[in-house]
N, C-alpha and C. Protein backbone atom coordinates (compact mmCIF):
# COMPACT_ATOMS: atom_id res chain seq x y z
N MET A 1 139.62 -64.57 63.89
CA MET A 1 139.63 -63.14 63.64
C MET A 1 141.07 -62.64 63.67
N SER A 2 141.39 -61.77 62.77
CA SER A 2 142.75 -61.24 62.72
C SER A 2 142.91 -60.09 63.70
N THR A 3 144.14 -59.87 64.09
CA THR A 3 144.49 -58.77 64.98
C THR A 3 144.44 -57.45 64.23
N VAL A 4 143.91 -56.41 64.89
CA VAL A 4 143.89 -55.07 64.30
C VAL A 4 144.74 -54.17 65.17
N VAL A 5 145.71 -53.50 64.55
CA VAL A 5 146.59 -52.58 65.28
C VAL A 5 146.58 -51.23 64.58
N THR A 6 146.97 -50.21 65.30
CA THR A 6 147.06 -48.89 64.69
C THR A 6 148.35 -48.80 63.90
N TYR A 7 148.40 -47.80 63.04
CA TYR A 7 149.59 -47.56 62.24
C TYR A 7 150.80 -47.31 63.13
N SER A 8 150.62 -46.53 64.19
CA SER A 8 151.72 -46.22 65.11
C SER A 8 152.24 -47.48 65.79
N GLU A 9 151.32 -48.35 66.24
CA GLU A 9 151.73 -49.61 66.87
C GLU A 9 152.50 -50.48 65.88
N ALA A 10 152.02 -50.52 64.66
CA ALA A 10 152.67 -51.34 63.63
C ALA A 10 154.08 -50.83 63.36
N ARG A 11 154.23 -49.52 63.28
CA ARG A 11 155.55 -48.93 63.02
C ARG A 11 156.53 -49.24 64.14
N GLN A 12 156.06 -49.20 65.37
CA GLN A 12 156.94 -49.42 66.52
C GLN A 12 157.27 -50.89 66.74
N ASN A 13 156.39 -51.78 66.30
CA ASN A 13 156.55 -53.21 66.61
C ASN A 13 156.47 -54.07 65.35
N LEU A 14 157.15 -53.66 64.31
CA LEU A 14 157.03 -54.35 63.03
C LEU A 14 157.43 -55.82 63.12
N ALA A 15 158.53 -56.13 63.78
CA ALA A 15 158.98 -57.53 63.85
C ALA A 15 157.94 -58.42 64.53
N SER A 16 157.40 -57.97 65.64
CA SER A 16 156.39 -58.78 66.34
C SER A 16 155.09 -58.83 65.54
N LEU A 17 154.79 -57.77 64.80
CA LEU A 17 153.61 -57.76 63.94
C LEU A 17 153.73 -58.82 62.85
N LEU A 18 154.92 -58.93 62.25
CA LEU A 18 155.14 -59.95 61.21
C LEU A 18 155.06 -61.36 61.80
N ASP A 19 155.58 -61.55 63.01
CA ASP A 19 155.48 -62.85 63.68
C ASP A 19 154.01 -63.21 63.93
N LYS A 20 153.24 -62.23 64.35
CA LYS A 20 151.82 -62.46 64.63
C LYS A 20 151.08 -62.80 63.34
N ALA A 21 151.42 -62.13 62.24
CA ALA A 21 150.80 -62.42 60.95
C ALA A 21 151.12 -63.85 60.52
N LEU A 22 152.33 -64.30 60.80
CA LEU A 22 152.72 -65.67 60.46
C LEU A 22 151.89 -66.69 61.23
N VAL A 23 151.65 -66.41 62.51
CA VAL A 23 150.89 -67.34 63.37
C VAL A 23 149.39 -67.26 63.06
N GLU A 24 148.86 -66.05 62.94
CA GLU A 24 147.42 -65.88 62.80
C GLU A 24 146.94 -65.88 61.36
N GLY A 25 147.85 -65.74 60.41
CA GLY A 25 147.46 -65.72 59.01
C GLY A 25 147.42 -64.33 58.42
N GLU A 26 147.07 -63.34 59.25
CA GLU A 26 147.07 -61.95 58.79
C GLU A 26 146.94 -61.01 59.98
N VAL A 27 147.35 -59.78 59.75
CA VAL A 27 147.20 -58.71 60.74
C VAL A 27 146.69 -57.50 59.98
N ARG A 28 145.74 -56.78 60.57
CA ARG A 28 145.19 -55.59 59.92
C ARG A 28 145.75 -54.34 60.59
N ILE A 29 146.13 -53.38 59.76
CA ILE A 29 146.66 -52.11 60.25
C ILE A 29 145.65 -51.03 59.88
N LYS A 30 145.21 -50.29 60.90
CA LYS A 30 144.20 -49.26 60.68
C LYS A 30 144.82 -47.88 60.84
N ARG A 31 144.63 -47.04 59.84
CA ARG A 31 145.13 -45.66 59.88
C ARG A 31 144.10 -44.75 60.54
N ARG A 32 144.55 -43.57 60.91
CA ARG A 32 143.65 -42.60 61.55
C ARG A 32 142.45 -42.26 60.68
N ASP A 33 142.67 -42.24 59.36
CA ASP A 33 141.57 -41.86 58.46
C ASP A 33 140.59 -43.01 58.21
N GLY A 34 140.81 -44.16 58.87
CA GLY A 34 139.90 -45.30 58.77
C GLY A 34 140.30 -46.34 57.75
N GLN A 35 141.29 -46.06 56.90
CA GLN A 35 141.73 -47.07 55.94
C GLN A 35 142.35 -48.25 56.67
N VAL A 36 142.06 -49.44 56.19
CA VAL A 36 142.58 -50.66 56.81
C VAL A 36 143.39 -51.42 55.76
N PHE A 37 144.56 -51.89 56.17
CA PHE A 37 145.45 -52.67 55.30
C PHE A 37 145.70 -54.02 55.95
N VAL A 38 145.93 -55.02 55.12
CA VAL A 38 146.18 -56.37 55.61
C VAL A 38 147.63 -56.75 55.33
N VAL A 39 148.30 -57.28 56.36
CA VAL A 39 149.64 -57.82 56.21
C VAL A 39 149.53 -59.32 56.45
N LYS A 40 149.97 -60.10 55.46
CA LYS A 40 149.93 -61.55 55.63
C LYS A 40 151.11 -62.18 54.92
N PRO A 41 151.53 -63.35 55.41
CA PRO A 41 152.68 -64.01 54.78
C PRO A 41 152.32 -64.52 53.38
N VAL A 42 153.31 -64.54 52.52
CA VAL A 42 153.12 -65.05 51.16
C VAL A 42 153.20 -66.56 51.22
N GLU A 43 152.24 -67.20 50.58
CA GLU A 43 152.25 -68.67 50.53
C GLU A 43 153.24 -69.13 49.48
N GLU A 44 154.12 -70.01 49.87
CA GLU A 44 155.08 -70.58 48.94
C GLU A 44 154.36 -71.63 48.10
N LYS A 45 154.43 -71.46 46.80
CA LYS A 45 153.82 -72.43 45.90
C LYS A 45 154.89 -73.43 45.49
N SER A 46 154.57 -74.70 45.63
CA SER A 46 155.52 -75.72 45.21
C SER A 46 154.78 -76.80 44.43
N SER A 47 155.51 -77.50 43.64
CA SER A 47 154.94 -78.56 42.83
C SER A 47 154.91 -79.85 43.64
N PRO A 48 153.88 -80.66 43.47
CA PRO A 48 153.87 -81.97 44.14
C PRO A 48 154.98 -82.87 43.63
N LEU A 49 155.60 -82.47 42.52
CA LEU A 49 156.70 -83.25 41.97
C LEU A 49 158.05 -82.86 42.58
N ASP A 50 158.07 -81.79 43.40
CA ASP A 50 159.30 -81.38 44.07
C ASP A 50 159.53 -82.29 45.27
N ILE A 51 160.44 -83.24 45.10
CA ILE A 51 160.73 -84.18 46.19
C ILE A 51 162.23 -84.23 46.40
N ASP A 52 162.63 -84.62 47.59
CA ASP A 52 164.05 -84.77 47.87
C ASP A 52 164.58 -86.01 47.15
N GLY A 53 165.80 -85.91 46.67
CA GLY A 53 166.43 -87.04 46.01
C GLY A 53 166.85 -88.10 47.01
N ILE A 54 167.09 -89.29 46.50
CA ILE A 54 167.52 -90.41 47.34
C ILE A 54 168.87 -90.89 46.83
N ASP A 55 169.82 -91.02 47.72
CA ASP A 55 171.14 -91.52 47.33
C ASP A 55 171.10 -93.04 47.35
N LEU A 56 171.09 -93.63 46.15
CA LEU A 56 171.04 -95.08 46.04
C LEU A 56 172.42 -95.72 46.01
N GLY A 57 173.43 -94.89 45.93
CA GLY A 57 174.79 -95.41 45.92
C GLY A 57 175.16 -96.07 44.61
N ILE A 58 174.50 -95.69 43.51
CA ILE A 58 174.86 -96.24 42.20
C ILE A 58 175.20 -95.08 41.26
N THR A 59 175.96 -95.40 40.24
CA THR A 59 176.42 -94.37 39.32
C THR A 59 175.45 -94.22 38.15
N THR A 60 175.62 -93.16 37.41
CA THR A 60 174.82 -92.93 36.21
C THR A 60 175.03 -94.05 35.20
N ASP A 61 176.27 -94.49 35.08
CA ASP A 61 176.56 -95.59 34.14
C ASP A 61 175.81 -96.86 34.52
N GLU A 62 175.72 -97.12 35.83
CA GLU A 62 174.98 -98.32 36.28
C GLU A 62 173.49 -98.19 35.97
N ILE A 63 172.94 -97.01 36.15
CA ILE A 63 171.53 -96.78 35.85
C ILE A 63 171.27 -97.00 34.36
N VAL A 64 172.14 -96.45 33.52
CA VAL A 64 171.99 -96.63 32.07
C VAL A 64 172.10 -98.11 31.71
N ALA A 65 172.99 -98.83 32.34
CA ALA A 65 173.14 -100.27 32.08
C ALA A 65 171.88 -101.03 32.48
N PHE A 66 171.27 -100.68 33.61
CA PHE A 66 170.03 -101.33 34.06
C PHE A 66 168.91 -101.10 33.05
N ILE A 67 168.82 -99.86 32.55
CA ILE A 67 167.78 -99.53 31.57
C ILE A 67 168.00 -100.30 30.29
N ALA A 68 169.25 -100.35 29.82
CA ALA A 68 169.56 -101.09 28.58
C ALA A 68 169.24 -102.57 28.76
N GLU A 69 169.57 -103.12 29.91
CA GLU A 69 169.27 -104.53 30.18
C GLU A 69 167.78 -104.77 30.17
N GLY A 70 167.03 -103.85 30.79
CA GLY A 70 165.59 -103.99 30.80
C GLY A 70 164.98 -103.92 29.41
N ARG A 71 165.53 -103.07 28.57
CA ARG A 71 165.04 -102.96 27.21
C ARG A 71 165.35 -104.21 26.39
N ARG A 72 166.53 -104.81 26.64
CA ARG A 72 166.90 -106.05 25.95
C ARG A 72 165.91 -107.17 26.34
N ASP A 73 165.62 -107.25 27.61
CA ASP A 73 164.69 -108.29 28.09
C ASP A 73 163.30 -108.08 27.52
N PHE A 74 162.90 -106.83 27.35
CA PHE A 74 161.56 -106.50 26.88
C PHE A 74 161.40 -106.81 25.40
N THR A 75 162.45 -106.62 24.62
CA THR A 75 162.38 -106.82 23.17
C THR A 75 162.65 -108.28 22.78
N SER A 76 163.12 -109.08 23.69
CA SER A 76 163.43 -110.49 23.37
C SER A 76 162.20 -111.34 23.34
């Protein structure tokens, strides 16, 4: 269940409210007139293809040479 706070509490404690939303997933703010609003963190969308690079210690020219060699072996 998400935390429900009043508008006044939210205004006075915004930083802690945002921290709580990060931990709990969302926080609800209720106004005097009964309207309720939800504050929740935005989910970062990333591609499964986004990966960290690996330093192999070889140059671009060496990579191109390896590919050319592999193609020569494949066509022979």
